[in-house]
Amino acid sequence: MYVIELTYQKPLADIEAHLEAHRHFLDVHYEKGIFLASGPKNPRDGGVILASSSVNRQALEEILTKDPFRQHDLALYRITEFSPVKCLPVLKDVL
C-alpha cells in the first residue's frame, strides 16, 4: 500500500484552476482499483492519496506523471510504501 503526500508549490488559485482535471485523473484510477482514498490536507497546503499495492512502485510513479497537478508543477509528491499488518476485516480485500 502507498501513501502519496502532495505538497502544493503554487497559490490555491492555481490549484483551483486545475482541480477538475486532477479529480478526473483520480476518478480514472479509482475505477481501476488503484486509488483507495484521497482528499486535501488540513490546513489545505496539499493532499493525500492512498493507493493499493496492486501496482508496483515504478508503475505508480508513472501513473502520477499524468496528474495535472504534476504536469503543471503545482505540487511535489512524496510516496511512502508500507505493508499493513492489521486492518479492519472489511479492508482486507482492497489493501
PDB file of N, CA and C in Angstrom:
ATOM      1  N   MET A   1       0.854  -1.171   0.000  1.00  0.00           N
ATOM      2  CA  MET A   1       0.000   0.000   0.000  1.00  0.00           C
ATOM      3  C   MET A   1       0.892   1.222   0.000  1.00  0.00           C
ATOM      4  N   TYR A   2       0.369   2.299  -0.564  1.00  0.00           N
ATOM      5  CA  TYR A   2       1.141   3.537  -0.670  1.00  0.00           C
ATOM      6  C   TYR A   2       0.354   4.714  -0.101  1.00  0.00           C
ATOM      7  N   VAL A   3       1.082   5.590   0.557  1.00  0.00           N
ATOM      8  CA  VAL A   3       0.556   6.884   0.957  1.00  0.00           C
ATOM      9  C   VAL A   3       1.300   7.906   0.106  1.00  0.00           C
ATOM     10  N   ILE A   4       0.550   8.666  -0.658  1.00  0.00           N
ATOM     11  CA  ILE A   4       1.137   9.681  -1.530  1.00  0.00           C
ATOM     12  C   ILE A   4       0.756  11.038  -0.952  1.00  0.00           C
ATOM     13  N   GLU A   5       1.757  11.787  -0.562  1.00  0.00           N
ATOM     14  CA  GLU A   5       1.512  13.107   0.015  1.00  0.00           C
ATOM     15  C   GLU A   5       1.890  14.171  -1.009  1.00  0.00           C
ATOM     16  N   LEU A   6       0.938  15.023  -1.331  1.00  0.00           N
ATOM     17  CA  LEU A   6       1.173  16.138  -2.234  1.00  0.00           C
ATOM     18  C   LEU A   6       1.351  17.401  -1.402  1.00  0.00           C
ATOM     19  N   THR A   7       2.338  18.202  -1.765  1.00  0.00           N
ATOM     20  CA  THR A   7       2.549  19.496  -1.136  1.00  0.00           C
ATOM     21  C   THR A   7       2.486  20.550  -2.234  1.00  0.00           C
ATOM     22  N   TYR A   8       1.529  21.454  -2.107  1.00  0.00           N
ATOM     23  CA  TYR A   8       1.345  22.478  -3.129  1.00  0.00           C
ATOM     24  C   TYR A   8       2.549  23.411  -3.197  1.00  0.00           C
ATOM     25  N   GLN A   9       2.902  23.770  -4.423  1.00  0.00           N
ATOM     26  CA  GLN A   9       4.028  24.665  -4.677  1.00  0.00           C
ATOM     27  C   GLN A   9       3.587  26.000  -5.268  1.00  0.00           C
ATOM     28  N   LYS A  10       2.286  26.119  -5.507  1.00  0.00           N
ATOM     29  CA  LYS A  10       1.732  27.340  -6.103  1.00  0.00           C
ATOM     30  C   LYS A  10       0.537  27.800  -5.272  1.00  0.00           C
ATOM     31  N   PRO A  11       0.079  29.031  -5.474  1.00  0.00           N
ATOM     32  CA  PRO A  11      -1.091  29.533  -4.736  1.00  0.00           C
ATOM     33  C   PRO A  11      -2.345  28.695  -5.018  1.00  0.00           C
ATOM     34  N   LEU A  12      -3.272  28.719  -4.071  1.00  0.00           N
ATOM     35  CA  LEU A  12      -4.512  27.952  -4.219  1.00  0.00           C
ATOM     36  C   LEU A  12      -5.299  28.316  -5.473  1.00  0.00           C
ATOM     37  N   ALA A  13      -5.190  29.531  -5.924  1.00  0.00           N
ATOM     38  CA  ALA A  13      -5.888  29.913  -7.163  1.00  0.00           C
ATOM     39  C   ALA A  13      -5.390  29.072  -8.338  1.00  0.00           C
ATOM     40  N   ASP A  14      -4.105  28.789  -8.378  1.00  0.00           N
ATOM     41  CA  ASP A  14      -3.547  27.929  -9.429  1.00  0.00           C
ATOM     42  C   ASP A  14      -4.021  26.491  -9.263  1.00  0.00           C
ATOM     43  N   ILE A  15      -4.095  26.036  -8.019  1.00  0.00           N
ATOM     44  CA  ILE A  15      -4.584  24.681  -7.724  1.00  0.00           C
ATOM     45  C   ILE A  15      -6.032  24.558  -8.191  1.00  0.00           C
ATOM     46  N   GLU A  16      -6.856  25.518  -7.816  1.00  0.00           N
ATOM     47  CA  GLU A  16      -8.278  25.504  -8.175  1.00  0.00           C
ATOM     48  C   GLU A  16      -8.478  25.470  -9.688  1.00  0.00           C
ATOM     49  N   ALA A  17      -7.600  26.134 -10.427  1.00  0.00           N
ATOM     50  CA  ALA A  17      -7.733  26.176 -11.878  1.00  0.00           C
ATOM     51  C   ALA A  17      -7.566  24.790 -12.514  1.00  0.00           C
ATOM     52  N   HIS A  18      -6.885  23.885 -11.825  1.00  0.00           N
ATOM     53  CA  HIS A  18      -6.639  22.537 -12.353  1.00  0.00           C
ATOM     54  C   HIS A  18      -7.324  21.442 -11.535  1.00  0.00           C
ATOM     55  N   LEU A  19      -8.160  21.832 -10.591  1.00  0.00           N
ATOM     56  CA  LEU A  19      -8.782  20.867  -9.688  1.00  0.00           C
ATOM     57  C   LEU A  19      -9.710  19.896 -10.414  1.00  0.00           C
ATOM     58  N   GLU A  20     -10.512  20.379 -11.349  1.00  0.00           N
ATOM     59  CA  GLU A  20     -11.426  19.488 -12.067  1.00  0.00           C
ATOM     60  C   GLU A  20     -10.646  18.421 -12.853  1.00  0.00           C
ATOM     61  N   ALA A  21      -9.577  18.819 -13.517  1.00  0.00           N
ATOM     62  CA  ALA A  21      -8.753  17.864 -14.269  1.00  0.00           C
ATOM     63  C   ALA A  21      -8.069  16.877 -13.327  1.00  0.00           C
ATOM     64  N   HIS A  22      -7.610  17.360 -12.173  1.00  0.00           N
ATOM     65  CA  HIS A  22      -6.993  16.488 -11.165  1.00  0.00           C
ATOM     66  C   HIS A  22      -8.007  15.457 -10.666  1.00  0.00           C
ATOM     67  N   ARG A  23      -9.222  15.885 -10.403  1.00  0.00           N
ATOM     68  CA  ARG A  23     -10.252  14.953  -9.930  1.00  0.00           C
ATOM     69  C   ARG A  23     -10.612  13.923 -10.998  1.00  0.00           C
ATOM     70  N   HIS A  24     -10.607  14.325 -12.250  1.00  0.00           N
ATOM     71  CA  HIS A  24     -10.839  13.363 -13.331  1.00  0.00           C
ATOM     72  C   HIS A  24      -9.713  12.318 -13.347  1.00  0.00           C
ATOM     73  N   PHE A  25      -8.475  12.770 -13.206  1.00  0.00           N
ATOM     74  CA  PHE A  25      -7.325  11.866 -13.110  1.00  0.00           C
ATOM     75  C   PHE A  25      -7.534  10.860 -11.976  1.00  0.00           C
ATOM     76  N   LEU A  26      -7.963  11.351 -10.816  1.00  0.00           N
ATOM     77  CA  LEU A  26      -8.228  10.465  -9.682  1.00  0.00           C
ATOM     78  C   LEU A  26      -9.312   9.452 -10.023  1.00  0.00           C
ATOM     79  N   ASP A  27     -10.408   9.924 -10.624  1.00  0.00           N
ATOM     80  CA  ASP A  27     -11.525   9.037 -10.968  1.00  0.00           C
ATOM     81  C   ASP A  27     -11.085   7.876 -11.857  1.00  0.00           C
ATOM     82  N   VAL A  28     -10.235   8.160 -12.818  1.00  0.00           N
ATOM     83  CA  VAL A  28      -9.746   7.111 -13.725  1.00  0.00           C
ATOM     84  C   VAL A  28      -9.073   6.002 -12.927  1.00  0.00           C
ATOM     85  N   HIS A  29      -8.294   6.378 -11.932  1.00  0.00           N
ATOM     86  CA  HIS A  29      -7.533   5.378 -11.174  1.00  0.00           C
ATOM     87  C   HIS A  29      -8.348   4.763 -10.033  1.00  0.00           C
ATOM     88  N   TYR A  30      -9.401   5.447  -9.602  1.00  0.00           N
ATOM     89  CA  TYR A  30     -10.370   4.795  -8.705  1.00  0.00           C
ATOM     90  C   TYR A  30     -11.068   3.660  -9.460  1.00  0.00           C
ATOM     91  N   GLU A  31     -11.468   3.935 -10.694  1.00  0.00           N
ATOM     92  CA  GLU A  31     -12.167   2.927 -11.496  1.00  0.00           C
ATOM     93  C   GLU A  31     -11.303   1.694 -11.732  1.00  0.00           C
ATOM     94  N   LYS A  32      -9.996   1.880 -11.795  1.00  0.00           N
ATOM     95  CA  LYS A  32      -9.065   0.762 -11.999  1.00  0.00           C
ATOM     96  C   LYS A  32      -8.733   0.040 -10.691  1.00  0.00           C
ATOM     97  N   GLY A  33      -9.221   0.582  -9.565  1.00  0.00           N
ATOM     98  CA  GLY A  33      -8.951  -0.041  -8.275  1.00  0.00           C
ATOM     99  C   GLY A  33      -7.577   0.277  -7.707  1.00  0.00           C
ATOM    100  N   ILE A  34      -6.913   1.273  -8.271  1.00  0.00           N
ATOM    101  CA  ILE A  34      -5.571   1.635  -7.800  1.00  0.00           C
ATOM    102  C   ILE A  34      -5.648   2.624  -6.647  1.00  0.00           C
ATOM    103  N   PHE A  35      -6.464   3.662  -6.779  1.00  0.00           N
ATOM    104  CA  PHE A  35      -6.609   4.636  -5.702  1.00  0.00           C
ATOM    105  C   PHE A  35      -7.756   4.209  -4.796  1.00  0.00           C
ATOM    106  N   LEU A  36      -7.531   4.337  -3.496  1.00  0.00           N
ATOM    107  CA  LEU A  36      -8.498   3.879  -2.499  1.00  0.00           C
ATOM    108  C   LEU A  36      -9.168   5.026  -1.750  1.00  0.00           C
ATOM    109  N   ALA A  37      -8.462   6.123  -1.571  1.00  0.00           N
ATOM    110  CA  ALA A  37      -8.999   7.293  -0.865  1.00  0.00           C
ATOM    111  C   ALA A  37      -8.116   8.482  -1.224  1.00  0.00           C
ATOM    112  N   SER A  38      -8.703   9.671  -1.155  1.00  0.00           N
ATOM    113  CA  SER A  38      -7.922  10.877  -1.432  1.00  0.00           C
ATOM    114  C   SER A  38      -8.652  12.085  -0.871  1.00  0.00           C
ATOM    115  N   GLY A  39      -7.896  13.146  -0.689  1.00  0.00           N
ATOM    116  CA  GLY A  39      -8.503  14.386  -0.226  1.00  0.00           C
ATOM    117  C   GLY A  39      -7.452  15.395   0.183  1.00  0.00           C
ATOM    118  N   PRO A  40      -7.909  16.625   0.446  1.00  0.00           N
ATOM    119  CA  PRO A  40      -6.982  17.686   0.837  1.00  0.00           C
ATOM    120  C   PRO A  40      -6.523  17.531   2.278  1.00  0.00           C
ATOM    121  N   LYS A  41      -5.327  18.035   2.533  1.00  0.00           N
ATOM    122  CA  LYS A  41      -4.823  18.085   3.904  1.00  0.00           C
ATOM    123  C   LYS A  41      -5.463  19.288   4.602  1.00  0.00           C
ATOM    124  N   ASN A  42      -5.403  19.289   5.907  1.00  0.00           N
ATOM    125  CA  ASN A  42      -5.899  20.398   6.707  1.00  0.00           C
ATOM    126  C   ASN A  42      -4.766  20.843   7.623  1.00  0.00           C
ATOM    127  N   PRO A  43      -4.175  22.018   7.431  1.00  0.00           N
ATOM    128  CA  PRO A  43      -4.575  23.082   6.519  1.00  0.00           C
ATOM    129  C   PRO A  43      -4.342  22.674   5.064  1.00  0.00           C
ATOM    130  N   ARG A  44      -5.006  23.368   4.175  1.00  0.00           N
ATOM    131  CA  ARG A  44      -5.010  22.997   2.761  1.00  0.00           C
ATOM    132  C   ARG A  44      -3.727  23.455   2.052  1.00  0.00           C
ATOM    133  N   ASP A  45      -2.655  22.751   2.371  1.00  0.00           N
ATOM    134  CA  ASP A  45      -1.375  23.028   1.725  1.00  0.00           C
ATOM    135  C   ASP A  45      -0.931  21.857   0.850  1.00  0.00           C
ATOM    136  N   GLY A  46      -1.869  20.959   0.587  1.00  0.00           N
ATOM    137  CA  GLY A  46      -1.587  19.784  -0.230  1.00  0.00           C
ATOM    138  C   GLY A  46      -2.694  18.770  -0.075  1.00  0.00           C
ATOM    139  N   GLY A  47      -2.380  17.529  -0.407  1.00  0.00           N
ATOM    140  CA  GLY A  47      -3.378  16.473  -0.316  1.00  0.00           C
ATOM    141  C   GLY A  47      -2.723  15.130  -0.068  1.00  0.00           C
ATOM    142  N   VAL A  48      -3.569  14.111   0.069  1.00  0.00           N
ATOM    143  CA  VAL A  48      -3.106  12.752   0.314  1.00  0.00           C
ATOM    144  C   VAL A  48      -3.906  11.810  -0.580  1.00  0.00           C
ATOM    145  N   ILE A  49      -3.215  10.836  -1.149  1.00  0.00           N
ATOM    146  CA  ILE A  49      -3.850   9.769  -1.923  1.00  0.00           C
ATOM    147  C   ILE A  49      -3.389   8.454  -1.317  1.00  0.00           C
ATOM    148  N   LEU A  50      -4.323   7.554  -1.034  1.00  0.00           N
ATOM    149  CA  LEU A  50      -3.981   6.190  -0.640  1.00  0.00           C
ATOM    150  C   LEU A  50      -4.119   5.313  -1.864  1.00  0.00           C
ATOM    151  N   ALA A  51      -3.082   4.544  -2.159  1.00  0.00           N
ATOM    152  CA  ALA A  51      -3.087   3.676  -3.341  1.00  0.00           C
ATOM    153  C   ALA A  51      -2.830   2.238  -2.921  1.00  0.00           C
ATOM    154  N   SER A  52      -3.459   1.323  -3.642  1.00  0.00           N
ATOM    155  CA  SER A  52      -3.314  -0.100  -3.327  1.00  0.00           C
ATOM    156  C   SER A  52      -1.968  -0.614  -3.828  1.00  0.00           C
ATOM    157  N   SER A  53      -1.595  -1.747  -3.330  1.00  0.00           N
ATOM    158  CA  SER A  53      -0.354  -2.374  -3.767  1.00  0.00           C
ATOM    159  C   SER A  53      -0.588  -3.247  -4.999  1.00  0.00           C
ATOM    160  N   SER A  54      -1.707  -3.021  -5.691  1.00  0.00           N
ATOM    161  CA  SER A  54      -1.979  -3.765  -6.920  1.00  0.00           C
ATOM    162  C   SER A  54      -1.036  -3.339  -8.045  1.00  0.00           C
ATOM    163  N   VAL A  55      -0.327  -2.230  -7.847  1.00  0.00           N
ATOM    164  CA  VAL A  55       0.699  -1.783  -8.796  1.00  0.00           C
ATOM    165  C   VAL A  55       2.033  -1.699  -8.056  1.00  0.00           C
ATOM    166  N   ASN A  56       3.108  -1.855  -8.782  1.00  0.00           N
ATOM    167  CA  ASN A  56       4.410  -1.694  -8.146  1.00  0.00           C
ATOM    168  C   ASN A  56       4.791  -0.217  -8.116  1.00  0.00           C
ATOM    169  N   ARG A  57       5.850   0.084  -7.421  1.00  0.00           N
ATOM    170  CA  ARG A  57       6.268   1.473  -7.214  1.00  0.00           C
ATOM    171  C   ARG A  57       6.552   2.180  -8.541  1.00  0.00           C
ATOM    172  N   GLN A  58       7.241   1.501  -9.441  1.00  0.00           N
ATOM    173  CA  GLN A  58       7.567   2.114 -10.732  1.00  0.00           C
ATOM    174  C   GLN A  58       6.302   2.458 -11.516  1.00  0.00           C
ATOM    175  N   ALA A  59       5.321   1.557 -11.518  1.00  0.00           N
ATOM    176  CA  ALA A  59       4.063   1.815 -12.220  1.00  0.00           C
ATOM    177  C   ALA A  59       3.316   2.978 -11.569  1.00  0.00           C
ATOM    178  N   LEU A  60       3.339   3.033 -10.243  1.00  0.00           N
ATOM    179  CA  LEU A  60       2.675   4.130  -9.536  1.00  0.00           C
ATOM    180  C   LEU A  60       3.322   5.466  -9.892  1.00  0.00           C
ATOM    181  N   GLU A  61       4.641   5.498  -9.914  1.00  0.00           N
ATOM    182  CA  GLU A  61       5.327   6.736 -10.261  1.00  0.00           C
ATOM    183  C   GLU A  61       4.975   7.173 -11.681  1.00  0.00           C
ATOM    184  N   GLU A  62       4.841   6.214 -12.587  1.00  0.00           N
ATOM    185  CA  GLU A  62       4.450   6.535 -13.967  1.00  0.00           C
ATOM    186  C   GLU A  62       3.022   7.094 -14.001  1.00  0.00           C
ATOM    187  N   ILE A  63       2.121   6.480 -13.239  1.00  0.00           N
ATOM    188  CA  ILE A  63       0.737   6.971 -13.165  1.00  0.00           C
ATOM    189  C   ILE A  63       0.716   8.421 -12.693  1.00  0.00           C
ATOM    190  N   LEU A  64       1.502   8.722 -11.671  1.00  0.00           N
ATOM    191  CA  LEU A  64       1.486  10.063 -11.084  1.00  0.00           C
ATOM    192  C   LEU A  64       2.024  11.132 -12.030  1.00  0.00           C
ATOM    193  N   THR A  65       2.800  10.738 -13.031  1.00  0.00           N
ATOM    194  CA  THR A  65       3.273  11.734 -14.001  1.00  0.00           C
ATOM    195  C   THR A  65       2.122  12.285 -14.833  1.00  0.00           C
ATOM    196  N   LYS A  66       0.994  11.581 -14.841  1.00  0.00           N
ATOM    197  CA  LYS A  66      -0.177  12.008 -15.618  1.00  0.00           C
ATOM    198  C   LYS A  66      -1.102  12.954 -14.842  1.00  0.00           C
ATOM    199  N   ASP A  67      -0.813  13.142 -13.555  1.00  0.00           N
ATOM    200  CA  ASP A  67      -1.649  14.035 -12.740  1.00  0.00           C
ATOM    201  C   ASP A  67      -1.445  15.480 -13.201  1.00  0.00           C
ATOM    202  N   PRO A  68      -2.531  16.184 -13.520  1.00  0.00           N
ATOM    203  CA  PRO A  68      -2.392  17.590 -13.935  1.00  0.00           C
ATOM    204  C   PRO A  68      -1.642  18.450 -12.918  1.00  0.00           C
ATOM    205  N   PHE A  69      -1.753  18.140 -11.644  1.00  0.00           N
ATOM    206  CA  PHE A  69      -1.005  18.911 -10.652  1.00  0.00           C
ATOM    207  C   PHE A  69       0.501  18.757 -10.874  1.00  0.00           C
ATOM    208  N   ARG A  70       0.937  17.565 -11.256  1.00  0.00           N
ATOM    209  CA  ARG A  70       2.359  17.353 -11.529  1.00  0.00           C
ATOM    210  C   ARG A  70       2.731  17.948 -12.882  1.00  0.00           C
ATOM    211  N   GLN A  71       1.882  17.762 -13.865  1.00  0.00           N
ATOM    212  CA  GLN A  71       2.187  18.257 -15.208  1.00  0.00           C
ATOM    213  C   GLN A  71       2.332  19.775 -15.252  1.00  0.00           C
ATOM    214  N   HIS A  72       1.665  20.459 -14.331  1.00  0.00           N
ATOM    215  CA  HIS A  72       1.740  21.926 -14.278  1.00  0.00           C
ATOM    216  C   HIS A  72       2.618  22.418 -13.129  1.00  0.00           C
ATOM    217  N   ASP A  73       3.434  21.510 -12.567  1.00  0.00           N
ATOM    218  CA  ASP A  73       4.357  21.856 -11.482  1.00  0.00           C
ATOM    219  C   ASP A  73       3.668  22.542 -10.304  1.00  0.00           C
ATOM    220  N   LEU A  74       2.470  22.044  -9.969  1.00  0.00           N
ATOM    221  CA  LEU A  74       1.705  22.640  -8.874  1.00  0.00           C
ATOM    222  C   LEU A  74       2.006  21.991  -7.532  1.00  0.00           C
ATOM    223  N   ALA A  75       2.513  20.750  -7.553  1.00  0.00           N
ATOM    224  CA  ALA A  75       2.715  20.031  -6.297  1.00  0.00           C
ATOM    225  C   ALA A  75       3.950  19.143  -6.369  1.00  0.00           C
ATOM    226  N   LEU A  76       4.542  18.942  -5.200  1.00  0.00           N
ATOM    227  CA  LEU A  76       5.587  17.933  -5.022  1.00  0.00           C
ATOM    228  C   LEU A  76       4.922  16.685  -4.482  1.00  0.00           C
ATOM    229  N   TYR A  77       5.466  15.508  -4.822  1.00  0.00           N
ATOM    230  CA  TYR A  77       4.885  14.226  -4.428  1.00  0.00           C
ATOM    231  C   TYR A  77       5.886  13.453  -3.579  1.00  0.00           C
ATOM    232  N   ARG A  78       5.412  12.929  -2.465  1.00  0.00           N
ATOM    233  CA  ARG A  78       6.228  12.040  -1.633  1.00  0.00           C
ATOM    234  C   ARG A  78       5.460  10.731  -1.490  1.00  0.00           C
ATOM    235  N   ILE A  79       6.078   9.640  -1.911  1.00  0.00           N
ATOM    236  CA  ILE A  79       5.442   8.327  -1.858  1.00  0.00           C
ATOM    237  C   ILE A  79       6.053   7.535  -0.713  1.00  0.00           C
ATOM    238  N   THR A  80       5.187   7.031   0.161  1.00  0.00           N
ATOM    239  CA  THR A  80       5.618   6.156   1.243  1.00  0.00           C
ATOM    240  C   THR A  80       4.922   4.820   1.056  1.00  0.00           C
ATOM    241  N   GLU A  81       5.720   3.770   0.963  1.00  0.00           N
ATOM    242  CA  GLU A  81       5.159   2.424   0.826  1.00  0.00           C
ATOM    243  C   GLU A  81       5.152   1.770   2.197  1.00  0.00           C
ATOM    244  N   PHE A  82       4.054   1.082   2.505  1.00  0.00           N
ATOM    245  CA  PHE A  82       4.029   0.326   3.754  1.00  0.00           C
ATOM    246  C   PHE A  82       3.207  -0.939   3.578  1.00  0.00           C
ATOM    247  N   SER A  83       3.467  -1.886   4.472  1.00  0.00           N
ATOM    248  CA  SER A  83       2.762  -3.172   4.444  1.00  0.00           C
ATOM    249  C   SER A  83       1.833  -3.233   5.639  1.00  0.00           C
ATOM    250  N   PRO A  84       0.521  -3.065   5.418  1.00  0.00           N
ATOM    251  CA  PRO A  84      -0.410  -3.117   6.540  1.00  0.00           C
ATOM    252  C   PRO A  84      -0.464  -4.538   7.105  1.00  0.00           C
ATOM    253  N   VAL A  85      -0.203  -4.644   8.386  1.00  0.00           N
ATOM    254  CA  VAL A  85      -0.275  -5.960   9.031  1.00  0.00           C
ATOM    255  C   VAL A  85      -1.561  -6.122   9.829  1.00  0.00           C
ATOM    256  N   LYS A  86      -2.234  -5.013  10.096  1.00  0.00           N
ATOM    257  CA  LYS A  86      -3.535  -5.044  10.775  1.00  0.00           C
ATOM    258  C   LYS A  86      -4.472  -4.088  10.061  1.00  0.00           C
ATOM    259  N   CYS A  87      -5.726  -4.489   9.974  1.00  0.00           N
ATOM    260  CA  CYS A  87      -6.747  -3.618   9.388  1.00  0.00           C
ATOM    261  C   CYS A  87      -8.116  -4.174   9.749  1.00  0.00           C
ATOM    262  N   LEU A  88      -9.126  -3.390   9.519  1.00  0.00           N
ATOM    263  CA  LEU A  88     -10.491  -3.878   9.674  1.00  0.00           C
ATOM    264  C   LEU A  88     -10.725  -4.990   8.649  1.00  0.00           C
ATOM    265  N   PRO A  89     -11.453  -6.010   9.022  1.00  0.00           N
ATOM    266  CA  PRO A  89     -11.713  -7.112   8.080  1.00  0.00           C
ATOM    267  C   PRO A  89     -12.292  -6.648   6.746  1.00  0.00           C
ATOM    268  N   VAL A  90     -13.116  -5.628   6.748  1.00  0.00           N
ATOM    269  CA  VAL A  90     -13.742  -5.140   5.521  1.00  0.00           C
ATOM    270  C   VAL A  90     -12.695  -4.589   4.528  1.00  0.00           C
ATOM    271  N   LEU A  91     -11.511  -4.222   5.014  1.00  0.00           N
ATOM    272  CA  LEU A  91     -10.488  -3.644   4.164  1.00  0.00           C
ATOM    273  C   LEU A  91      -9.511  -4.665   3.578  1.00  0.00           C
ATOM    274  N   LYS A  92      -9.513  -5.879   4.078  1.00  0.00           N
ATOM    275  CA  LYS A  92      -8.518  -6.870   3.664  1.00  0.00           C
ATOM    276  C   LYS A  92      -8.467  -7.075   2.160  1.00  0.00           C
ATOM    277  N   ASP A  93      -9.593  -7.065   1.488  1.00  0.00           N
ATOM    278  CA  ASP A  93      -9.612  -7.333   0.049  1.00  0.00           C
ATOM    279  C   ASP A  93      -9.128  -6.168  -0.799  1.00  0.00           C
ATOM    280  N   VAL A  94      -9.089  -4.960  -0.246  1.00  0.00           N
ATOM    281  CA  VAL A  94      -8.668  -3.820  -1.036  1.00  0.00           C
ATOM    282  C   VAL A  94      -7.221  -3.391  -0.762  1.00  0.00           C
ATOM    283  N   LEU A  95      -6.688  -3.846   0.342  1.00  0.00           N
ATOM    284  CA  LEU A  95      -5.317  -3.461   0.665  1.00  0.00           C
ATOM    285  C   LEU A  95      -4.339  -4.388  -0.014  1.00  0.00           C
TER     286      LEU A  95
END
